[in-house]
PDB file of N, CA and C in Angstrom:
ATOM      1  N   UNK A   1      62.015 138.416 118.407  1.00  0.00           N
ATOM      2  CA  UNK A   1      63.193 137.700 118.875  1.00  0.00           C
ATOM      3  C   UNK A   1      62.786 136.464 119.671  1.00  0.00           C
ATOM      4  N   UNK A   2      61.795 136.620 120.528  1.00  0.00           N
ATOM      5  CA  UNK A   2      61.302 135.514 121.331  1.00  0.00           C
ATOM      6  C   UNK A   2      60.721 134.426 120.434  1.00  0.00           C
ATOM      7  N   UNK A   3      60.049 134.845 119.379  1.00  0.00           N
ATOM      8  CA  UNK A   3      59.453 133.907 118.446  1.00  0.00           C
ATOM      9  C   UNK A   3      60.543 133.097 117.736  1.00  0.00           C
ATOM     10  N   UNK A   4      61.663 133.722 117.410  1.00  0.00           N
ATOM     11  CA  UNK A   4      62.774 133.052 116.742  1.00  0.00           C
ATOM     12  C   UNK A   4      63.400 132.010 117.655  1.00  0.00           C
ATOM     13  N   UNK A   5      63.589 132.336 118.929  1.00  0.00           N
ATOM     14  CA  UNK A   5      64.159 131.384 119.879  1.00  0.00           C
ATOM     15  C   UNK A   5      63.218 130.220 120.150  1.00  0.00           C
ATOM     16  N   UNK A   6      61.950 130.452 120.070  1.00  0.00           N
ATOM     17  CA  UNK A   6      60.981 129.379 120.282  1.00  0.00           C
ATOM     18  C   UNK A   6      60.956 128.400 119.112  1.00  0.00           C
ATOM     19  N   UNK A   7      61.357 128.860 117.963  1.00  0.00           N
ATOM     20  CA  UNK A   7      61.339 128.003 116.773  1.00  0.00           C
ATOM     21  C   UNK A   7      62.537 127.053 116.731  1.00  0.00           C
ATOM     22  N   UNK A   8      63.586 127.328 117.512  1.00  0.00           N
ATOM     23  CA  UNK A   8      64.765 126.458 117.555  1.00  0.00           C
ATOM     24  C   UNK A   8      64.430 125.225 118.392  1.00  0.00           C
ATOM     25  N   UNK A   9      64.675 124.034 117.867  1.00  0.00           N
ATOM     26  CA  UNK A   9      64.379 122.816 118.641  1.00  0.00           C
ATOM     27  C   UNK A   9      65.219 122.787 119.925  1.00  0.00           C
ATOM     28  N   UNK A  10      64.687 122.226 120.972  1.00  0.00           N
ATOM     29  CA  UNK A  10      65.405 122.209 122.254  1.00  0.00           C
ATOM     30  C   UNK A  10      66.713 121.421 122.201  1.00  0.00           C
ATOM     31  N   UNK A  11      66.791 120.470 121.292  1.00  0.00           N
ATOM     32  CA  UNK A  11      68.031 119.688 121.185  1.00  0.00           C
ATOM     33  C   UNK A  11      69.220 120.583 120.829  1.00  0.00           C
ATOM     34  N   UNK A  12      68.986 121.590 119.983  1.00  0.00           N
ATOM     35  CA  UNK A  12      70.060 122.489 119.567  1.00  0.00           C
ATOM     36  C   UNK A  12      70.415 123.509 120.636  1.00  0.00           C
ATOM     37  N   UNK A  13      69.616 123.643 121.649  1.00  0.00           N
ATOM     38  CA  UNK A  13      69.903 124.549 122.762  1.00  0.00           C
ATOM     39  C   UNK A  13      70.649 123.841 123.887  1.00  0.00           C
ATOM     40  N   UNK A  14      70.801 122.552 123.762  1.00  0.00           N
ATOM     41  CA  UNK A  14      71.456 121.748 124.796  1.00  0.00           C
ATOM     42  C   UNK A  14      72.934 122.152 124.924  1.00  0.00           C
ATOM     43  N   UNK A  15      73.402 122.282 126.155  1.00  0.00           N
ATOM     44  CA  UNK A  15      74.787 122.687 126.418  1.00  0.00           C
ATOM     45  C   UNK A  15      75.779 121.673 125.850  1.00  0.00           C
ATOM     46  N   UNK A  16      75.509 120.391 126.017  1.00  0.00           N
ATOM     47  CA  UNK A  16      76.428 119.356 125.553  1.00  0.00           C
ATOM     48  C   UNK A  16      76.489 119.308 124.025  1.00  0.00           C
ATOM     49  N   UNK A  17      75.370 119.500 123.396  1.00  0.00           N
ATOM     50  CA  UNK A  17      75.360 119.553 121.939  1.00  0.00           C
ATOM     51  C   UNK A  17      76.174 120.740 121.438  1.00  0.00           C
ATOM     52  N   UNK A  18      75.965 121.901 122.036  1.00  0.00           N
ATOM     53  CA  UNK A  18      76.704 123.092 121.619  1.00  0.00           C
ATOM     54  C   UNK A  18      78.201 122.948 121.894  1.00  0.00           C
ATOM     55  N   UNK A  19      78.553 122.357 123.017  1.00  0.00           N
ATOM     56  CA  UNK A  19      79.967 122.143 123.341  1.00  0.00           C
ATOM     57  C   UNK A  19      80.615 121.191 122.349  1.00  0.00           C
ATOM     58  N   UNK A  20      79.923 120.123 122.041  1.00  0.00           N
ATOM     59  CA  UNK A  20      80.448 119.150 121.079  1.00  0.00           C
ATOM     60  C   UNK A  20      80.579 119.776 119.695  1.00  0.00           C
ATOM     61  N   UNK A  21      79.579 120.529 119.295  1.00  0.00           N
ATOM     62  CA  UNK A  21      79.636 121.203 118.001  1.00  0.00           C
ATOM     63  C   UNK A  21      80.806 122.178 117.940  1.00  0.00           C
ATOM     64  N   UNK A  22      81.002 122.952 118.991  1.00  0.00           N
ATOM     65  CA  UNK A  22      82.119 123.883 119.043  1.00  0.00           C
ATOM     66  C   UNK A  22      83.451 123.128 118.976  1.00  0.00           C
ATOM     67  N   UNK A  23      83.556 122.019 119.696  1.00  0.00           N
ATOM     68  CA  UNK A  23      84.777 121.223 119.704  1.00  0.00           C
ATOM     69  C   UNK A  23      85.084 120.665 118.310  1.00  0.00           C
ATOM     70  N   UNK A  24      84.061 120.169 117.619  1.00  0.00           N
ATOM     71  CA  UNK A  24      84.253 119.621 116.268  1.00  0.00           C
ATOM     72  C   UNK A  24      84.675 120.718 115.294  1.00  0.00           C
ATOM     73  N   UNK A  25      84.037 121.869 115.375  1.00  0.00           N
ATOM     74  CA  UNK A  25      84.408 122.990 114.498  1.00  0.00           C
ATOM     75  C   UNK A  25      85.828 123.439 114.797  1.00  0.00           C
ATOM     76  N   UNK A  26      86.179 123.467 116.057  1.00  0.00           N
ATOM     77  CA  UNK A  26      87.531 123.870 116.455  1.00  0.00           C
ATOM     78  C   UNK A  26      88.565 122.913 115.866  1.00  0.00           C
ATOM     79  N   UNK A  27      88.350 121.627 116.036  1.00  0.00           N
ATOM     80  CA  UNK A  27      89.315 120.645 115.525  1.00  0.00           C
ATOM     81  C   UNK A  27      89.358 120.608 114.001  1.00  0.00           C
ATOM     82  N   UNK A  28      88.223 120.819 113.371  1.00  0.00           N
ATOM     83  CA  UNK A  28      88.169 120.685 111.918  1.00  0.00           C
ATOM     84  C   UNK A  28      88.738 121.890 111.175  1.00  0.00           C
ATOM     85  N   UNK A  29      88.562 123.100 111.731  1.00  0.00           N
ATOM     86  CA  UNK A  29      88.906 124.279 110.950  1.00  0.00           C
ATOM     87  C   UNK A  29      89.884 125.242 111.620  1.00  0.00           C
ATOM     88  N   UNK A  30      89.915 125.319 112.930  1.00  0.00           N
ATOM     89  CA  UNK A  30      90.663 126.367 113.606  1.00  0.00           C
ATOM     90  C   UNK A  30      92.002 125.884 114.151  1.00  0.00           C
ATOM     91  N   UNK A  31      92.051 124.649 114.602  1.00  0.00           N
ATOM     92  CA  UNK A  31      93.251 124.107 115.238  1.00  0.00           C
ATOM     93  C   UNK A  31      94.422 124.074 114.259  1.00  0.00           C
ATOM     94  N   UNK A  32      95.632 124.041 114.801  1.00  0.00           N
ATOM     95  CA  UNK A  32      96.819 124.021 113.929  1.00  0.00           C
ATOM     96  C   UNK A  32      96.940 122.708 113.162  1.00  0.00           C
ATOM     97  N   UNK A  33      96.288 121.664 113.604  1.00  0.00           N
ATOM     98  CA  UNK A  33      96.273 120.384 112.894  1.00  0.00           C
ATOM     99  C   UNK A  33      94.883 120.121 112.315  1.00  0.00           C
ATOM    100  N   UNK A  34      94.371 121.062 111.555  1.00  0.00           N
ATOM    101  CA  UNK A  34      93.020 120.953 111.024  1.00  0.00           C
ATOM    102  C   UNK A  34      92.928 119.910 109.901  1.00  0.00           C
ATOM    103  N   UNK A  35      91.736 119.723 109.388  1.00  0.00           N
ATOM    104  CA  UNK A  35      91.507 118.699 108.368  1.00  0.00           C
ATOM    105  C   UNK A  35      92.296 118.957 107.089  1.00  0.00           C
ATOM    106  N   UNK A  36      92.439 120.206 106.707  1.00  0.00           N
ATOM    107  CA  UNK A  36      93.168 120.534 105.476  1.00  0.00           C
ATOM    108  C   UNK A  36      94.638 120.136 105.592  1.00  0.00           C
ATOM    109  N   UNK A  37      95.229 120.419 106.743  1.00  0.00           N
ATOM    110  CA  UNK A  37      96.625 120.042 106.960  1.00  0.00           C
ATOM    111  C   UNK A  37      96.770 118.524 106.999  1.00  0.00           C
ATOM    112  N   UNK A  38      95.812 117.843 107.600  1.00  0.00           N
ATOM    113  CA  UNK A  38      95.872 116.388 107.668  1.00  0.00           C
ATOM    114  C   UNK A  38      95.793 115.755 106.283  1.00  0.00           C
ATOM    115  N   UNK A  39      94.977 116.308 105.396  1.00  0.00           N
ATOM    116  CA  UNK A  39      94.902 115.763 104.040  1.00  0.00           C
ATOM    117  C   UNK A  39      96.194 116.035 103.271  1.00  0.00           C
ATOM    118  N   UNK A  40      96.787 117.209 103.486  1.00  0.00           N
ATOM    119  CA  UNK A  40      98.070 117.504 102.842  1.00  0.00           C
ATOM    120  C   UNK A  40      99.154 116.563 103.341  1.00  0.00           C
ATOM    121  N   UNK A  41      99.176 116.336 104.643  1.00  0.00           N
ATOM    122  CA  UNK A  41     100.184 115.444 105.215  1.00  0.00           C
ATOM    123  C   UNK A  41      99.980 114.008 104.759  1.00  0.00           C
ATOM    124  N   UNK A  42      98.742 113.609 104.594  1.00  0.00           N
ATOM    125  CA  UNK A  42      98.462 112.262 104.107  1.00  0.00           C
ATOM    126  C   UNK A  42      98.980 112.091 102.678  1.00  0.00           C
ATOM    127  N   UNK A  43      98.770 113.093 101.837  1.00  0.00           N
ATOM    128  CA  UNK A  43      99.291 113.049 100.472  1.00  0.00           C
ATOM    129  C   UNK A  43     100.807 113.034 100.445  1.00  0.00           C
ATOM    130  N   UNK A  44     101.424 113.835 101.308  1.00  0.00           N
ATOM    131  CA  UNK A  44     102.888 113.868 101.390  1.00  0.00           C
ATOM    132  C   UNK A  44     103.430 112.523 101.854  1.00  0.00           C
ATOM    133  N   UNK A  45     102.731 111.903 102.805  1.00  0.00           N
ATOM    134  CA  UNK A  45     103.156 110.597 103.310  1.00  0.00           C
ATOM    135  C   UNK A  45     103.119 109.560 102.196  1.00  0.00           C
ATOM    136  N   UNK A  46     102.049 109.558 101.404  1.00  0.00           N
ATOM    137  CA  UNK A  46     101.941 108.615 100.294  1.00  0.00           C
ATOM    138  C   UNK A  46     103.053 108.843  99.275  1.00  0.00           C
ATOM    139  N   UNK A  47     103.351 110.100  99.012  1.00  0.00           N
ATOM    140  CA  UNK A  47     104.431 110.437  98.078  1.00  0.00           C
ATOM    141  C   UNK A  47     105.786 109.953  98.592  1.00  0.00           C
ATOM    142  N   UNK A  48     106.034 110.153  99.878  1.00  0.00           N
ATOM    143  CA  UNK A  48     107.301 109.722 100.469  1.00  0.00           C
ATOM    144  C   UNK A  48     107.420 108.204 100.516  1.00  0.00           C
ATOM    145  N   UNK A  49     106.318 107.518 100.766  1.00  0.00           N
ATOM    146  CA  UNK A  49     106.360 106.054 100.764  1.00  0.00           C
ATOM    147  C   UNK A  49     106.641 105.522  99.364  1.00  0.00           C
ATOM    148  N   UNK A  50     106.101 106.198  98.353  1.00  0.00           N
ATOM    149  CA  UNK A  50     106.372 105.812  96.977  1.00  0.00           C
ATOM    150  C   UNK A  50     107.853 106.026  96.641  1.00  0.00           C
ATOM    151  N   UNK A  51     108.397 107.151  97.069  1.00  0.00           N
ATOM    152  CA  UNK A  51     109.816 107.434  96.832  1.00  0.00           C
ATOM    153  C   UNK A  51     110.688 106.428  97.588  1.00  0.00           C
ATOM    154  N   UNK A  52     110.278 106.075  98.792  1.00  0.00           N
ATOM    155  CA  UNK A  52     111.029 105.092  99.589  1.00  0.00           C
ATOM    156  C   UNK A  52     111.080 103.749  98.869  1.00  0.00           C
ATOM    157  N   UNK A  53     109.947 103.316  98.318  1.00  0.00           N
ATOM    158  CA  UNK A  53     109.908 102.048  97.587  1.00  0.00           C
ATOM    159  C   UNK A  53     110.787 102.124  96.338  1.00  0.00           C
ATOM    160  N   UNK A  54     110.779 103.253  95.646  1.00  0.00           N
ATOM    161  CA  UNK A  54     111.623 103.430  94.462  1.00  0.00           C
ATOM    162  C   UNK A  54     113.099 103.286  94.828  1.00  0.00           C
ATOM    163  N   UNK A  55     113.515 103.948  95.920  1.00  0.00           N
ATOM    164  CA  UNK A  55     114.917 103.886  96.315  1.00  0.00           C
ATOM    165  C   UNK A  55     115.301 102.518  96.859  1.00  0.00           C
ATOM    166  N   UNK A  56     114.380 101.824  97.494  1.00  0.00           N
ATOM    167  CA  UNK A  56     114.684 100.460  97.932  1.00  0.00           C
ATOM    168  C   UNK A  56     114.891  99.545  96.731  1.00  0.00           C
ATOM    169  N   UNK A  57     114.092  99.720  95.688  1.00  0.00           N
ATOM    170  CA  UNK A  57     114.282  98.944  94.463  1.00  0.00           C
ATOM    171  C   UNK A  57     115.625  99.272  93.813  1.00  0.00           C
ATOM    172  N   UNK A  58     115.991 100.553  93.801  1.00  0.00           N
ATOM    173  CA  UNK A  58     117.280 100.949  93.221  1.00  0.00           C
ATOM    174  C   UNK A  58     118.447 100.354  94.016  1.00  0.00           C
ATOM    175  N   UNK A  59     118.333 100.353  95.351  1.00  0.00           N
ATOM    176  CA  UNK A  59     119.386  99.793  96.192  1.00  0.00           C
ATOM    177  C   UNK A  59     119.547  98.306  95.903  1.00  0.00           C
ATOM    178  N   UNK A  60     118.434  97.596  95.771  1.00  0.00           N
ATOM    179  CA  UNK A  60     118.486  96.175  95.461  1.00  0.00           C
ATOM    180  C   UNK A  60     119.133  95.944  94.098  1.00  0.00           C
ATOM    181  N   UNK A  61     118.800  96.777  93.133  1.00  0.00           N
ATOM    182  CA  UNK A  61     119.397  96.657  91.797  1.00  0.00           C
ATOM    183  C   UNK A  61     120.906  96.897  91.844  1.00  0.00           C
ATOM    184  N   UNK A  62     121.334  97.902  92.589  1.00  0.00           N
ATOM    185  CA  UNK A  62     122.762  98.204  92.698  1.00  0.00           C
ATOM    186  C   UNK A  62     123.505  97.070  93.406  1.00  0.00           C
ATOM    187  N   UNK A  63     122.900  96.499  94.442  1.00  0.00           N
ATOM    188  CA  UNK A  63     123.534  95.367  95.140  1.00  0.00           C
ATOM    189  C   UNK A  63     123.675  94.168  94.217  1.00  0.00           C
ATOM    190  N   UNK A  64     122.648  93.927  93.389  1.00  0.00           N
ATOM    191  CA  UNK A  64     122.741  92.821  92.428  1.00  0.00           C
ATOM    192  C   UNK A  64     123.836  93.085  91.393  1.00  0.00           C
ATOM    193  N   UNK A  65     123.917  94.321  90.905  1.00  0.00           N
ATOM    194  CA  UNK A  65     124.976  94.679  89.959  1.00  0.00           C
ATOM    195  C   UNK A  65     126.356  94.537  90.594  1.00  0.00           C
ATOM    196  N   UNK A  66     126.477  94.942  91.852  1.00  0.00           N
ATOM    197  CA  UNK A  66     127.751  94.837  92.554  1.00  0.00           C
ATOM    198  C   UNK A  66     128.168  93.378  92.715  1.00  0.00           C
ATOM    199  N   UNK A  67     127.211  92.528  93.075  1.00  0.00           N
ATOM    200  CA  UNK A  67     127.526  91.104  93.220  1.00  0.00           C
ATOM    201  C   UNK A  67     127.937  90.504  91.882  1.00  0.00           C
ATOM    202  N   UNK A  68     127.259  90.908  90.805  1.00  0.00           N
ATOM    203  CA  UNK A  68     127.613  90.405  89.480  1.00  0.00           C
ATOM    204  C   UNK A  68     129.002  90.882  89.073  1.00  0.00           C
ATOM    205  N   UNK A  69     129.335  92.130  89.375  1.00  0.00           N
ATOM    206  CA  UNK A  69     130.657  92.657  89.013  1.00  0.00           C
ATOM    207  C   UNK A  69     131.764  92.009  89.844  1.00  0.00           C
ATOM    208  N   UNK A  70     131.492  91.712  91.084  1.00  0.00           N
ATOM    209  CA  UNK A  70     132.508  91.082  91.938  1.00  0.00           C
ATOM    210  C   UNK A  70     132.789  89.643  91.521  1.00  0.00           C
ATOM    211  N   UNK A  71     131.827  88.960  90.907  1.00  0.00           N
ATOM    212  CA  UNK A  71     131.986  87.558  90.540  1.00  0.00           C
ATOM    213  C   UNK A  71     132.388  87.349  89.084  1.00  0.00           C
ATOM    214  N   UNK A  72     132.358  88.386  88.260  1.00  0.00           N
ATOM    215  CA  UNK A  72     132.626  88.217  86.838  1.00  0.00           C
ATOM    216  C   UNK A  72     133.609  89.291  86.363  1.00  0.00           C
ATOM    217  N   UNK A  73     134.901  88.932  86.214  1.00  0.00           N
ATOM    218  CA  UNK A  73     135.894  89.935  85.788  1.00  0.00           C
ATOM    219  C   UNK A  73     135.657  90.453  84.365  1.00  0.00           C
ATOM    220  N   UNK A  74     135.099  89.640  83.482  1.00  0.00           N
ATOM    221  CA  UNK A  74     134.832  90.097  82.121  1.00  0.00           C
ATOM    222  C   UNK A  74     133.760  91.190  82.118  1.00  0.00           C
ATOM    223  N   UNK A  75     132.742  91.016  82.929  1.00  0.00           N
ATOM    224  CA  UNK A  75     131.691  92.029  83.051  1.00  0.00           C
ATOM    225  C   UNK A  75     132.246  93.309  83.677  1.00  0.00           C
ATOM    226  N   UNK A  76     133.155  93.156  84.640  1.00  0.00           N
ATOM    227  CA  UNK A  76     133.784  94.315  85.264  1.00  0.00           C
ATOM    228  C   UNK A  76     134.598  95.102  84.238  1.00  0.00           C
ATOM    229  N   UNK A  77     135.359  94.391  83.409  1.00  0.00           N
ATOM    230  CA  UNK A  77     136.148  95.064  82.377  1.00  0.00           C
ATOM    231  C   UNK A  77     135.242  95.753  81.355  1.00  0.00           C
ATOM    232  N   UNK A  78     134.166  95.089  80.955  1.00  0.00           N
ATOM    233  CA  UNK A  78     133.235  95.671  79.998  1.00  0.00           C
ATOM    234  C   UNK A  78     132.617  96.957  80.542  1.00  0.00           C
ATOM    235  N   UNK A  79     132.200  96.931  81.793  1.00  0.00           N
ATOM    236  CA  UNK A  79     131.586  98.114  82.392  1.00  0.00           C
ATOM    237  C   UNK A  79     132.605  99.246  82.526  1.00  0.00           C
ATOM    238  N   UNK A  80     133.833  98.915  82.918  1.00  0.00           N
ATOM    239  CA  UNK A  80     134.866  99.943  83.056  1.00  0.00           C
ATOM    240  C   UNK A  80     135.163 100.594  81.708  1.00  0.00           C
ATOM    241  N   UNK A  81     135.179  99.818  80.662  1.00  0.00           N
ATOM    242  CA  UNK A  81     135.463 100.365  79.338  1.00  0.00           C
ATOM    243  C   UNK A  81     134.305 101.220  78.819  1.00  0.00           C
ATOM    244  N   UNK A  82     133.075 100.760  79.017  1.00  0.00           N
ATOM    245  CA  UNK A  82     131.931 101.472  78.452  1.00  0.00           C
ATOM    246  C   UNK A  82     131.522 102.681  79.286  1.00  0.00           C
ATOM    247  N   UNK A  83     131.454 102.491  80.579  1.00  0.00           N
ATOM    248  CA  UNK A  83     130.914 103.549  81.413  1.00  0.00           C
ATOM    249  C   UNK A  83     131.969 104.566  81.836  1.00  0.00           C
ATOM    250  N   UNK A  84     133.152 104.100  82.164  1.00  0.00           N
ATOM    251  CA  UNK A  84     134.185 104.995  82.688  1.00  0.00           C
ATOM    252  C   UNK A  84     135.303 105.285  81.692  1.00  0.00           C
ATOM    253  N   UNK A  85     135.157 104.784  80.461  1.00  0.00           N
ATOM    254  CA  UNK A  85     136.088 105.053  79.359  1.00  0.00           C
ATOM    255  C   UNK A  85     137.536 104.694  79.706  1.00  0.00           C
ATOM    256  N   UNK A  86     137.724 103.593  80.408  1.00  0.00           N
ATOM    257  CA  UNK A  86     139.075 103.130  80.736  1.00  0.00           C
ATOM    258  C   UNK A  86     139.619 102.324  79.573  1.00  0.00           C
ATOM    259  N   UNK A  87     140.960 102.282  79.491  1.00  0.00           N
ATOM    260  CA  UNK A  87     141.583 101.553  78.392  1.00  0.00           C
ATOM    261  C   UNK A  87     142.880 100.923  78.878  1.00  0.00           C
ATOM    262  N   UNK A  88     143.357  99.992  78.110  1.00  0.00           N
ATOM    263  CA  UNK A  88     144.645  99.359  78.417  1.00  0.00           C
ATOM    264  C   UNK A  88     145.752 100.294  77.961  1.00  0.00           C
ATOM    265  N   UNK A  89     146.950 100.170  78.530  1.00  0.00           N
ATOM    266  CA  UNK A  89     148.025 101.125  78.197  1.00  0.00           C
ATOM    267  C   UNK A  89     148.416 101.157  76.721  1.00  0.00           C
ATOM    268  N   UNK A  90     148.290 100.066  76.012  1.00  0.00           N
ATOM    269  CA  UNK A  90     148.719 100.048  74.610  1.00  0.00           C
ATOM    270  C   UNK A  90     147.553 100.246  73.631  1.00  0.00           C
ATOM    271  N   UNK A  91     146.429 100.761  74.097  1.00  0.00           N
ATOM    272  CA  UNK A  91     145.263 100.953  73.242  1.00  0.00           C
ATOM    273  C   UNK A  91     145.012 102.433  72.983  1.00  0.00           C
ATOM    274  N   UNK A  92     144.334 102.702  71.872  1.00  0.00           N
ATOM    275  CA  UNK A  92     143.812 104.040  71.599  1.00  0.00           C
ATOM    276  C   UNK A  92     142.301 103.988  71.773  1.00  0.00           C
ATOM    277  N   UNK A  93     141.756 105.050  72.310  1.00  0.00           N
ATOM    278  CA  UNK A  93     140.322 105.082  72.580  1.00  0.00           C
ATOM    279  C   UNK A  93     139.668 106.115  71.668  1.00  0.00           C
ATOM    280  N   UNK A  94     138.661 105.673  70.940  1.00  0.00           N
ATOM    281  CA  UNK A  94     137.888 106.560  70.069  1.00  0.00           C
ATOM    282  C   UNK A  94     136.474 106.629  70.591  1.00  0.00           C
ATOM    283  N   UNK A  95     135.982 107.834  70.811  1.00  0.00           N
ATOM    284  CA  UNK A  95     134.616 108.034  71.306  1.00  0.00           C
ATOM    285  C   UNK A  95     133.780 108.569  70.165  1.00  0.00           C
ATOM    286  N   UNK A  96     132.724 107.847  69.837  1.00  0.00           N
ATOM    287  CA  UNK A  96     131.832 108.242  68.755  1.00  0.00           C
ATOM    288  C   UNK A  96     130.593 108.865  69.396  1.00  0.00           C
ATOM    289  N   UNK A  97     130.351 110.126  69.053  1.00  0.00           N
ATOM    290  CA  UNK A  97     129.204 110.838  69.590  1.00  0.00           C
ATOM    291  C   UNK A  97     128.167 110.992  68.508  1.00  0.00           C
ATOM    292  N   UNK A  98     126.945 110.550  68.801  1.00  0.00           N
ATOM    293  CA  UNK A  98     125.866 110.676  67.805  1.00  0.00           C
ATOM    294  C   UNK A  98     125.259 112.065  67.936  1.00  0.00           C
ATOM    295  N   UNK A  99     125.121 112.720  66.782  1.00  0.00           N
ATOM    296  CA  UNK A  99     124.492 114.037  66.764  1.00  0.00           C
ATOM    297  C   UNK A  99     123.002 113.861  66.524  1.00  0.00           C
ATOM    298  N   UNK A 100     122.202 114.640  67.221  1.00  0.00           N
ATOM    299  CA  UNK A 100     120.755 114.536  67.074  1.00  0.00           C
ATOM    300  C   UNK A 100     120.255 115.329  65.906  1.00  0.00           C
TER     301      UNK A 100
END
């Protein structure tokens, strides 16, 4: 046993080295905010930022469509007829459904 302790370099027996090593192991593996959780959270953050950019682009597209519809009554009528199946009182509406 004495021979084994003599073979360990004195640097590894240092109190400050052992304390620092214990602290690093604690933070990396044992703590509630360990490295594995941090990598998962980093991936989740990237995913959420991507979704945020997607929704910001969609909002901009909807605002542009809204501005176009507010300034062009013909486009508004076209969209109402195609998307919401609206019709004039004296018209008949036929819906053609394509079968796959």
